[in-house]
Amino acid sequence: MDPHYDPALLPHRPRNDDIPKTNYNTITTVNSSAESKSIDGEQFDGTAKLAKEGAIILIPSPGQDPRDPLNLPVWHKNFIMFILTLYSVSGLTVVVGLGALLVYFIPVYQKAGKSTAQISALLTYPNLFLGVGNLFSMPLVLAVGRRPVFLVSNLLLFFSCIMCATNRNFEWHLAARCLAALSGAQCEALVPLIIQDIFFLHQRARVLQYWSSSQTIANSTLVIISSYMTNAVGWRAWYWLFTATSGLALVLTIFFVPESAYDRPISAFMGTAPQEFAPTGDSDAPLAADNIHEPITTLDERKLNTVNYAPRTLRSDMRVFVTPHDWPKTFITLKHITQLLVLPHILWLALMNGFFLAIDISISITYGPILVAPPYNWAKTSVSIAQVGQLPVAFIAMPLLGWLSDFIVTKMAKRNGGRHEPEYRLLTLVFPLLLLLMLTAIYGAAAENPYGYHWMAIIFPQNVWLFLLFATNTVGITYLLDSHPKRAGPVLVIMCLMRGLVSFGVSYHTVDYVDAVGYVRLFGIYAGLMAVFGVLGIGVFVWGKKIRHWVMRWTN
């Protein structure tokens, strides 16, 4: 018996042993027309009841348990978001924020016999491990819980930042950065999973976008000052800075990020579950009239049951292992990943995310050397200033990709008889994709012939590309979580894994591609493939509901 495992403290277990046992294999729910029926969980295809009589139905449906993560107070949820952002900034900036500092590493490592293509591995290989890392961590997350994996990840990130700061050669530096990517990889999948655990469907896009934009604002600010910091006190100080931030994230996680995994019936994600899930028991007796309730909405008062459930305390929140270990889930998760990977709508989003990130990495690898060379002749310390444009992009993305996405799905649900279709999320992807198609071609032309273009033709696409990355990430995650809530873990792993593999495969030979075909052809090919993904997206929007219904045998 695990010494940390106390069945009496499970978050979903009542304290009184004389409470009748509940059978959640079949859940009796009531729809908006007050017709009671038995809902088989395996029949859920992603279409949910989101609106009722002008109110928004809370999905997932929260219980009365004080330890239900959906019942966390607002201040605690917001503070958890701050900690998740601090961790994400520490891990992600260390990995992807190196572009502005490559101009400092290139002369040093060239003297050690490394080519420019080899030196770019400091950026490309860690991006690969950002995706691959989730393939190992997510099965553990689903087997032992969110909190223990998140704690270990914070600890390893702290250690890897120290290793980066104290490295003595290129190989040591590269290995330490790969470890930092593995330990920071949870910002790609585990963090969105925790967000799904503690927020409702109608809040999901804005919270995800606030998190993405906040970490980008912090990342851009740190990258902007990185060149000046490196020029003044050396590049090792950059790593020591993230040693401090990751250490702070570790300490705060210990005290304020509780386990967020919580066992719910599938009806809780359908918008039809009553306020307190109504069990049928093992008998065929009809449901008592007293148990018939409408789904809880944003207008309803939510009361916690402190008689039948244990209270939430600092001691309960600080437990490392809360859910019982289920090691077979590690293999089941890998099985689910394999099954879901070939589903058309998931594969489209995963490949598109990876390809778009590859284009952004290609720009990150090339824009610095272009700016410091004639005719622009920027000082090395000024290259990082190019990141300043990401600050307004991050602020603009909050309402356009976060609030607007949630507004669209609630508005469309009300027009659709209260029913929510996940494909509504895809509408917010249209404008960013069309805009970046044009800017990608402009970047290629300006990079090929810098004497014919102002430096803004380099800087503007480099910054605005973040807008499309935001869009594909927020839209992709919310669309798939809305569609397949019971497969959230495997779906997020697929997104991260394919993003890492595809971005690495496409961007690794960027320097060689430029030497072989030039900037115009390379980024012209990129723009053409972006258009192909856009056309495929029209098909997903039109036939997505049929696809979800067809594949639900593998997604429940």
Foldseek 3Di string as FASTA:
>chain_A
DPPLEDVCLFQVAWNDPPDDDFDLQWFWFAALVRDIDIDHLLQALLKAQADDPHFGFFFLQDAQGQSQLQNDDPVLVVVVLVLLLLLLLLLVLLAALCLLVLVVVQVVVVVVVDDLLRSLLSRQLLLLLLQVLLLPQLLVCVFFFLQLLLLVLLVQLLVLLVQCLPPDDDVSNSVSSNSSSSSSSCSQASVLVLLPLHGTLLQNLLSVLVSVLVSLLVSLVLSLCQLVCCVPPRNSVSSVVSSVSSVVSSVCSLQRAATRDDDDRSVSRRQGAFNHTQGPPPDPDDGDPVPHHGRDTPPDDRHHDVNTHPHDDSVSRNRRGNDHGDNVSSVVLVVLLVLVCPQVVLVLLLLLLQLLVLLLSLLSNPLLVLCCDPPNNDDSSRSSVLSVLLNVLSVVCSCLRRVVLSVQQCVVCVVVVSMGQLLSLCVSLPVLLVVLLVLLLLCLVCSQPVVVDDSCSSSVSSNSSVNNSSSSSSSVLSSVCSRFVVSSSSSSSSNSNSNSVSSSVNNSCSVVVCVPPNSNVSSNVSSVVSVVSVVVSVVCSVCVSVSSSVCSSSRD
